[in-house]
């Protein structure tokens, strides 16, 4: 018996770069935190038209579970545990809301403390 309420049009695949773009956009909404600065390789790729994020790594394991790793710099005076939890919640909400996937992990790696900039 055919189910006329269900239509299967094929598959949807989401590239890891799209997930990284979402993570970067969500991170930009949080005050006092930013991605680690780009290295020389990233600057060269950007000048050639390729947008990459050195502070974001998206990986998919053999069970198709997605993990996002973010390397960030935090402004001096901000509680690192609090901002890390805020980053995890904001990124998880943005990705799950937009692409409807559940993330296995969101790892926040604080690479440094930034002083003197607002």
Protein backbone atom coordinates (compact mmCIF):
# COMPACT_ATOMS: atom_id res chain seq x y z
CA UNK A 1 0.00 0.00 0.00
CA UNK A 2 1.37 3.44 -0.94
CA UNK A 3 1.55 6.28 1.53
CA UNK A 4 0.44 9.38 -0.39
CA UNK A 5 1.23 11.74 2.52
CA UNK A 6 4.94 11.02 2.30
CA UNK A 7 6.99 12.18 -0.62
CA UNK A 8 10.63 11.16 -0.92
CA UNK A 9 12.48 13.50 -3.25
CA UNK A 10 15.98 12.26 -2.53
CA UNK A 11 18.62 13.09 0.01
CA UNK A 12 19.91 16.32 1.49
CA UNK A 13 23.60 16.62 2.21
CA UNK A 14 25.08 19.43 4.26
CA UNK A 15 28.75 20.21 3.77
CA UNK A 16 30.96 20.61 6.83
CA UNK A 17 31.82 24.14 5.66
CA UNK A 18 28.12 25.10 5.91
CA UNK A 19 28.08 23.91 9.52
CA UNK A 20 31.30 25.87 10.18
CA UNK A 21 29.68 28.98 8.64
CA UNK A 22 26.75 28.62 11.03
CA UNK A 23 29.07 28.21 14.01
CA UNK A 24 31.05 31.33 13.07
CA UNK A 25 27.86 33.37 12.61
CA UNK A 26 26.52 32.22 15.98
CA UNK A 27 29.85 32.99 17.66
CA UNK A 28 29.78 36.54 16.27
CA UNK A 29 26.63 37.18 18.34
CA UNK A 30 28.52 36.67 21.61
CA UNK A 31 30.31 39.68 23.13
CA UNK A 32 33.83 39.23 24.41
CA UNK A 33 34.84 36.25 22.30
CA UNK A 34 36.25 35.73 18.81
CA UNK A 35 37.92 33.01 16.78
CA UNK A 36 41.67 32.69 16.85
CA UNK A 37 43.32 34.99 14.29
CA UNK A 38 43.97 33.54 10.84
CA UNK A 39 47.41 32.20 9.99
CA UNK A 40 49.34 32.84 6.77
CA UNK A 41 47.83 29.83 4.96
CA UNK A 42 44.31 31.03 5.75
CA UNK A 43 45.12 34.56 4.54
CA UNK A 44 46.47 33.19 1.25
CA UNK A 45 43.40 30.98 0.72
CA UNK A 46 41.12 33.92 1.46
CA UNK A 47 42.93 36.07 -1.10
CA UNK A 48 42.30 33.28 -3.63
CA UNK A 49 38.58 33.33 -2.86
CA UNK A 50 38.33 30.44 -0.41
CA UNK A 51 36.78 31.30 2.94
CA UNK A 52 38.15 29.07 5.69
CA UNK A 53 38.01 29.32 9.45
CA UNK A 54 41.19 28.24 11.24
CA UNK A 55 39.39 28.23 14.59
CA UNK A 56 36.57 25.88 13.54
CA UNK A 57 36.87 22.16 12.91
CA UNK A 58 33.79 20.14 11.99
CA UNK A 59 34.16 16.37 12.02
CA UNK A 60 31.79 13.52 11.29
CA UNK A 61 32.47 10.11 12.82
CA UNK A 62 31.63 6.69 11.37
CA UNK A 63 28.14 6.84 12.95
CA UNK A 64 27.45 10.18 11.20
CA UNK A 65 27.59 12.08 14.47
CA UNK A 66 28.85 15.65 14.12
CA UNK A 67 31.36 17.30 16.44
CA UNK A 68 32.30 20.98 16.29
CA UNK A 69 35.53 22.26 17.79
CA UNK A 70 35.97 26.01 18.29
CA UNK A 71 39.29 27.67 19.13
CA UNK A 72 38.62 31.10 20.59
CA UNK A 73 40.18 34.12 22.25
CA UNK A 74 38.29 35.58 25.23
CA UNK A 75 38.36 39.19 26.41
CA UNK A 76 40.07 39.75 29.76
CA UNK A 77 37.69 39.81 32.73
CA UNK A 78 35.11 37.38 31.35
CA UNK A 79 34.49 34.10 33.18
CA UNK A 80 35.87 31.39 30.92
CA UNK A 81 33.53 28.59 32.11
CA UNK A 82 30.49 30.86 31.69
CA UNK A 83 31.45 32.09 28.22
CA UNK A 84 32.34 28.54 27.10
CA UNK A 85 28.87 27.31 28.12
CA UNK A 86 27.28 30.28 26.37
CA UNK A 87 29.27 29.48 23.20
CA UNK A 88 28.16 25.84 23.34
CA UNK A 89 24.50 26.73 23.82
CA UNK A 90 24.46 29.45 21.15
CA UNK A 91 26.24 27.33 18.54
CA UNK A 92 24.13 24.24 19.31
CA UNK A 93 20.88 26.21 19.02
CA UNK A 94 21.92 27.86 15.74
CA UNK A 95 23.02 24.61 14.09
CA UNK A 96 20.15 22.44 15.33
CA UNK A 97 17.58 25.08 14.40
CA UNK A 98 19.01 25.70 10.94
CA UNK A 99 20.04 22.27 9.67
CA UNK A 100 18.02 20.03 11.98
CA UNK A 101 20.86 17.78 13.11
CA UNK A 102 21.88 16.82 16.62
CA UNK A 103 25.46 17.55 17.50
CA UNK A 104 27.46 14.98 19.41
CA UNK A 105 29.86 17.50 20.96
CA UNK A 106 30.77 21.17 20.86
CA UNK A 107 34.29 21.55 22.19
CA UNK A 108 35.47 25.04 23.13
CA UNK A 109 39.22 25.51 23.34
CA UNK A 110 40.24 28.88 24.79
CA UNK A 111 43.55 29.73 23.07
CA UNK A 112 44.18 33.08 24.73
CA UNK A 113 43.03 36.13 26.62
CA UNK A 114 42.69 39.44 24.79
CA UNK A 115 43.40 42.67 26.64
CA UNK A 116 42.51 46.24 25.82
CA UNK A 117 40.00 45.77 22.98
CA UNK A 118 36.27 46.28 23.22
